[in-house]
Amino acid sequence: MARPFRQQIDEGILDRAAALFAQRGFEHTSVQAIADAVGLSKAGLLHHYPSKEALREAVLAQSRALTERALERVATLTPGPRRDRRAVEALVDLALAQPGTLAFMLGAATAQGAEHAAFEAAASDPVFQMFSVDADTGRERLIRVIGATAALGVLALAAHKAGDTAAWRSHVIDTSYDALGHPPGALTSRTDQVEA
C-alpha cells in the first residue's frame, strides 16, 4: 500500500476513534464500534491497530503531535489579540480537517467539573497554553477560553454535518474569537491577523 494512502487511512481511523473516545469514553468504546465507524471489519481494524490500547496510544500520539504543531503557530506571539486570533485559526483549521481529534483534544478543556481542576489542567494542556492560560489566569479568562474552544468544536462539527466547511471557516473563527472577549476592532487589518 502506498504511503500517502496508508497515512490517509490511518488518519481517518484515528480521527473516528478519537471522536468515539471523546463521546463515549475509552472504556465504553468497543473495537467493533470503531470498526463500524470507519467501515472496516473488526479484523480489518485490528490489522491496522492490534488492540484497542494500541489504537488509544496512536490517538494520543496524533493528538499530541497536532496540538504541538498548533502551539508552534502561536509560540512566538505575545499574549493578546493576535495570539488569540492565531490560536483560534489553528484550532479551527484542525477542527475542520479532523473534527474527532479536536473533540478528543478539547476534552480536558471542556470537561473540567471544577474550576480548580481546570486551572491545574491549564498548566499542562497545550490548548490552554495556546491561549496563555495558566495558574495565574483569572476566572473570566479561563471561562472565555473554555467557551471559545467548546464553541469552536461544536461549530466545526456543524460545518461537517452541513458539508460546507470552507464556507463556515471564517464564521467559526469570528465566533470563537469573539467569545474570548476581544472588541471587534482588536485586529484592525488583515496584516494584523496574519502577522507572525
Protein backbone atom coordinates (compact mmCIF):
# COMPACT_ATOMS: atom_id res chain seq x y z
CA MET A 1 0.00 0.00 0.00
CA ALA A 2 1.39 3.40 -0.98
CA ARG A 3 2.46 5.55 1.99
CA PRO A 4 0.14 8.56 1.36
CA PHE A 5 -2.87 6.26 1.00
CA ARG A 6 -1.96 4.36 4.18
CA GLN A 7 -1.46 7.64 6.02
CA GLN A 8 -4.92 8.85 4.92
CA ILE A 9 -6.49 5.60 6.11
CA ASP A 10 -4.67 5.82 9.45
CA GLU A 11 -5.68 9.47 9.91
CA GLY A 12 -9.31 8.59 9.20
CA ILE A 13 -9.26 5.68 11.63
CA LEU A 14 -7.62 7.75 14.33
CA ASP A 15 -9.99 10.67 13.84
CA ARG A 16 -13.10 8.46 14.13
CA ALA A 17 -11.63 6.61 17.12
CA ALA A 18 -10.79 9.94 18.78
CA ALA A 19 -14.35 11.14 18.23
CA LEU A 20 -15.78 7.99 19.80
CA PHE A 21 -13.36 8.16 22.74
CA ALA A 22 -14.34 11.81 23.30
CA GLN A 23 -18.03 11.00 23.02
CA ARG A 24 -18.28 7.71 24.93
CA GLY A 25 -15.03 7.42 26.85
CA PHE A 26 -12.34 4.81 26.23
CA GLU A 27 -13.90 2.13 28.40
CA HIS A 28 -17.28 2.40 26.70
CA THR A 29 -15.95 2.37 23.13
CA SER A 30 -15.61 -1.05 21.60
CA VAL A 31 -13.27 -2.07 18.80
CA GLN A 32 -16.38 -3.10 16.86
CA ALA A 33 -17.88 0.39 17.23
CA ILE A 34 -14.69 1.93 15.85
CA ALA A 35 -14.56 -0.60 13.01
CA ASP A 36 -18.19 0.17 12.15
CA ALA A 37 -17.49 3.93 12.20
CA VAL A 38 -14.62 3.61 9.72
CA GLY A 39 -16.26 1.00 7.51
CA LEU A 40 -13.91 -1.86 8.31
CA SER A 41 -14.45 -5.28 9.78
CA LYS A 42 -13.15 -5.79 13.29
CA ALA A 43 -10.35 -7.96 11.84
CA GLY A 44 -9.55 -5.24 9.30
CA LEU A 45 -9.26 -2.63 12.03
CA LEU A 46 -7.08 -4.94 14.13
CA HIS A 47 -4.83 -5.34 11.09
CA HIS A 48 -4.06 -1.62 11.35
CA TYR A 49 -4.01 -1.48 15.16
CA PRO A 50 -3.59 -4.79 17.04
CA SER A 51 -5.63 -3.73 20.09
CA LYS A 52 -7.86 -1.01 21.46
CA GLU A 53 -4.96 0.08 23.67
CA ALA A 54 -2.69 0.43 20.61
CA LEU A 55 -5.39 2.50 18.97
CA ARG A 56 -5.67 4.72 22.05
CA GLU A 57 -1.90 5.21 22.09
CA ALA A 58 -1.97 6.18 18.40
CA VAL A 59 -4.83 8.64 19.04
CA LEU A 60 -2.87 10.16 21.94
CA ALA A 61 0.29 10.43 19.84
CA GLN A 62 -1.57 12.04 16.93
CA SER A 63 -3.36 14.45 19.27
CA ARG A 64 -0.06 15.46 20.90
CA ALA A 65 1.61 15.98 17.52
CA LEU A 66 -1.25 18.05 16.10
CA THR A 67 -1.56 20.11 19.28
CA GLU A 68 2.17 20.77 19.32
CA ARG A 69 2.02 21.93 15.68
CA ALA A 70 -0.84 24.28 16.54
CA LEU A 71 1.04 25.53 19.60
CA GLU A 72 4.10 26.23 17.42
CA ARG A 73 1.93 28.54 15.26
CA VAL A 74 1.41 30.87 18.24
CA ALA A 75 4.53 30.29 20.35
CA THR A 76 6.39 33.37 19.09
CA LEU A 77 3.46 35.72 19.66
CA THR A 78 2.98 37.57 22.93
CA PRO A 79 -0.32 37.02 24.74
CA GLY A 80 -3.09 39.22 23.39
CA PRO A 81 -5.48 39.57 20.47
CA ARG A 82 -3.05 38.48 17.72
CA ARG A 83 -2.05 35.34 19.56
CA ASP A 84 -5.67 34.54 20.39
CA ARG A 85 -6.70 35.03 16.76
CA ARG A 86 -3.87 32.81 15.52
CA ALA A 87 -4.71 30.15 18.13
CA VAL A 88 -8.37 30.17 17.08
CA GLU A 89 -7.38 29.89 13.40
CA ALA A 90 -5.04 26.98 14.11
CA LEU A 91 -7.68 25.12 16.09
CA VAL A 92 -10.41 25.82 13.53
CA ASP A 93 -8.19 24.50 10.72
CA LEU A 94 -7.54 21.39 12.78
CA ALA A 95 -11.22 21.02 13.66
CA LEU A 96 -12.33 21.30 10.06
CA ALA A 97 -9.73 18.77 8.92
CA GLN A 98 -10.03 16.33 11.85
CA PRO A 99 -13.10 17.03 13.99
CA GLY A 100 -12.82 13.85 16.05
CA THR A 101 -9.25 14.55 17.00
CA LEU A 102 -10.14 18.09 18.05
CA ALA A 103 -13.06 16.82 20.17
CA PHE A 104 -10.63 14.44 21.88
CA MET A 105 -8.05 17.20 22.42
CA LEU A 106 -10.59 19.63 23.83
CA GLY A 107 -11.94 17.06 26.24
CA ALA A 108 -9.68 18.25 29.05
CA ALA A 109 -10.62 21.88 28.49
CA THR A 110 -14.36 21.36 28.22
CA ALA A 111 -14.94 18.50 30.66
CA GLN A 112 -13.47 20.10 33.76
CA GLY A 113 -16.05 19.95 36.51
CA ALA A 114 -14.32 22.20 39.00
CA GLU A 115 -12.54 25.47 38.49
CA HIS A 116 -9.53 24.27 40.49
CA ALA A 117 -9.14 21.21 38.28
CA ALA A 118 -9.37 23.43 35.20
CA PHE A 119 -6.56 25.64 36.46
CA GLU A 120 -4.42 22.59 37.21
CA ALA A 121 -5.10 21.20 33.74
CA ALA A 122 -4.17 24.56 32.22
CA ALA A 123 -0.58 24.19 33.35
CA SER A 124 -0.04 21.13 31.16
CA ASP A 125 -2.73 21.35 28.46
CA PRO A 126 -1.31 22.67 25.16
CA VAL A 127 -4.72 24.06 24.14
CA PHE A 128 -4.73 26.24 27.26
CA GLN A 129 -1.10 27.14 26.59
CA MET A 130 -2.06 28.40 23.13
CA PHE A 131 -4.28 30.98 24.85
CA SER A 132 -1.71 31.74 27.59
CA VAL A 133 -3.92 30.32 30.36
CA ASP A 134 -2.03 29.25 33.47
CA ALA A 135 -2.46 29.11 37.24
CA ASP A 136 -2.30 32.93 37.44
CA THR A 137 -5.09 33.44 34.92
CA GLY A 138 -8.32 34.87 36.23
CA ARG A 139 -11.64 33.05 36.23
CA GLU A 140 -13.14 35.18 33.43
CA ARG A 141 -10.29 34.38 31.02
CA LEU A 142 -10.48 30.67 31.84
CA ILE A 143 -14.24 30.67 31.24
CA ARG A 144 -13.84 32.55 27.96
CA VAL A 145 -11.19 30.13 26.68
CA ILE A 146 -13.30 27.12 27.61
CA GLY A 147 -16.32 28.75 25.96
CA ALA A 148 -14.42 29.69 22.80
CA THR A 149 -12.91 26.22 22.36
CA ALA A 150 -16.21 24.48 23.09
CA ALA A 151 -17.98 26.72 20.56
CA LEU A 152 -15.24 26.06 18.06
CA GLY A 153 -15.66 22.30 18.43
CA VAL A 154 -19.45 22.40 18.18
CA LEU A 155 -19.41 24.71 15.17
CA ALA A 156 -16.79 22.62 13.38
CA LEU A 157 -18.98 19.55 13.81
CA ALA A 158 -21.97 21.50 12.48
CA ALA A 159 -19.89 22.61 9.48
CA HIS A 160 -19.04 18.98 8.76
CA LYS A 161 -22.67 17.97 9.08
CA ALA A 162 -23.67 20.79 6.70
CA GLY A 163 -21.00 19.57 4.29
CA ASP A 164 -19.52 23.01 3.70
CA THR A 165 -16.50 23.50 5.93
CA ALA A 166 -14.90 26.10 3.64
CA ALA A 167 -17.92 28.42 3.84
CA TRP A 168 -18.16 28.04 7.62
CA ARG A 169 -14.45 28.61 8.39
CA SER A 170 -14.47 32.41 8.75
CA HIS A 171 -17.70 32.36 10.77
CA VAL A 172 -16.35 29.73 13.17
CA ILE A 173 -13.16 31.76 13.61
CA ASP A 174 -15.06 35.02 14.20
CA THR A 175 -17.48 33.44 16.67
CA SER A 176 -14.75 31.71 18.68
CA TYR A 177 -12.55 34.80 18.67
CA ASP A 178 -15.48 36.95 19.81
CA ALA A 179 -16.11 34.55 22.71
CA LEU A 180 -12.64 35.43 24.00
CA GLY A 181 -13.94 38.96 24.68
CA HIS A 182 -11.89 41.00 22.25
CA PRO A 183 -13.57 44.10 20.88
CA PRO A 184 -14.38 43.93 17.16
CA GLY A 185 -11.55 46.36 16.29
CA ALA A 186 -8.89 44.46 18.29
CA LEU A 187 -7.28 43.49 15.00
CA THR A 188 -7.58 46.42 12.67
CA SER A 189 -6.26 44.98 9.43
CA ARG A 190 -5.75 41.75 7.57
CA THR A 191 -1.99 42.24 8.07
CA ASP A 192 -2.50 42.15 11.85
CA GLN A 193 -4.38 38.89 11.51
CA VAL A 194 -1.65 37.08 9.60
CA GLU A 195 1.41 38.66 11.20
CA ALA A 196 3.83 36.10 12.58
